[in-house]
Amino acid sequence: MNSVQQGLPYTRQPILYELYNVLDSKKSEYNKMKNGGIATGVTVYGSRRGATLSGSEHPPAAVLTVESSAPCEGLSRQGG
């Protein structure tokens, strides 16, 4: 599984609220996971893939993690 992490200068809860806002605005399907993460299906260049979005607390910041269940065909490891 491919993943990327990014530290953000916020607490976990506002990050998750914004993730839900973006998913709703893009009319994405998603499910809240028991661990608090978000399982979603995303379309990248016309190819639908699963991803898991999650946030964790590391005071004074939080870490956003995005995990792809499978790489999209036609994309390099750098995403282009």
Protein backbone atom coordinates (compact mmCIF):
# COMPACT_ATOMS: atom_id res chain seq x y z
CA MET A 1 0.00 0.00 0.00
CA ASN A 2 1.38 3.43 -0.93
CA SER A 3 1.08 6.22 1.62
CA VAL A 4 2.07 9.80 2.23
CA GLN A 5 2.08 11.81 5.45
CA GLN A 6 2.00 15.56 6.03
CA GLY A 7 2.35 17.40 9.33
CA LEU A 8 -0.16 20.24 9.75
CA PRO A 9 -0.25 22.99 12.41
CA TYR A 10 -3.77 22.11 13.56
CA THR A 11 -5.45 19.59 15.82
CA ARG A 12 -6.87 16.39 14.33
CA GLN A 13 -10.58 17.29 14.47
CA PRO A 14 -10.53 20.37 12.15
CA ILE A 15 -8.48 18.38 9.65
CA LEU A 16 -11.10 15.63 9.57
CA TYR A 17 -13.92 18.19 9.21
CA GLU A 18 -12.16 19.70 6.19
CA LEU A 19 -11.61 16.27 4.65
CA TYR A 20 -15.35 15.59 4.92
CA ASN A 21 -16.08 19.03 3.39
CA VAL A 22 -13.84 18.30 0.40
CA LEU A 23 -15.28 14.82 -0.09
CA ASP A 24 -18.83 16.20 0.10
CA SER A 25 -18.07 19.02 -2.35
CA LYS A 26 -16.68 16.46 -4.84
CA LYS A 27 -19.68 14.18 -4.26
CA SER A 28 -17.35 11.36 -3.23
CA GLU A 29 -18.53 8.17 -1.58
CA TYR A 30 -16.93 7.50 1.80
CA ASN A 31 -17.35 5.60 5.05
CA LYS A 32 -16.17 6.48 8.54
CA MET A 33 -13.94 3.72 9.88
CA LYS A 34 -13.96 2.46 13.47
CA ASN A 35 -10.47 3.92 14.02
CA GLY A 36 -11.73 7.39 13.00
CA GLY A 37 -10.25 7.30 9.52
CA ILE A 38 -12.17 7.78 6.28
CA ALA A 39 -12.36 5.06 3.60
CA THR A 40 -13.16 6.57 0.22
CA GLY A 41 -13.17 5.84 -3.47
CA VAL A 42 -11.41 8.49 -5.52
CA THR A 43 -11.07 9.00 -9.25
CA VAL A 44 -7.63 9.96 -10.56
CA TYR A 45 -7.42 10.70 -14.28
CA GLY A 46 -10.52 8.59 -14.88
CA SER A 47 -9.28 5.58 -12.87
CA ARG A 48 -11.19 4.79 -9.66
CA ARG A 49 -9.13 3.68 -6.66
CA GLY A 50 -9.65 3.21 -2.95
CA ALA A 51 -7.91 5.36 -0.37
CA THR A 52 -7.88 5.77 3.39
CA LEU A 53 -7.56 9.22 4.95
CA SER A 54 -6.65 9.62 8.61
CA GLY A 55 -5.30 12.13 11.08
CA SER A 56 -3.27 11.59 14.23
CA GLU A 57 -2.28 13.92 17.05
CA HIS A 58 1.37 14.83 17.53
CA PRO A 59 1.15 18.00 19.65
CA PRO A 60 1.43 20.80 18.85
CA ALA A 61 0.39 19.57 15.39
CA ALA A 62 -1.40 16.72 13.66
CA VAL A 63 -0.34 14.38 10.88
CA LEU A 64 -2.57 13.72 7.86
CA THR A 65 -2.01 10.30 6.28
CA VAL A 66 -3.33 9.25 2.87
CA GLU A 67 -2.99 5.57 1.94
CA SER A 68 -3.79 4.23 -1.51
CA SER A 69 -4.99 0.64 -1.71
CA ALA A 70 -3.49 0.29 -5.19
CA PRO A 71 -1.48 2.59 -7.46
CA CYS A 72 -3.29 4.07 -10.45
CA GLU A 73 -2.14 2.68 -13.76
CA GLY A 74 -0.44 5.24 -15.96
CA LEU A 75 0.88 7.33 -13.07
CA SER A 76 4.49 7.42 -11.99
CA ARG A 77 5.43 7.00 -8.33
CA GLN A 78 5.71 10.81 -8.25
CA GLY A 79 2.08 11.10 -9.41
CA GLY A 80 2.61 12.52 -12.88
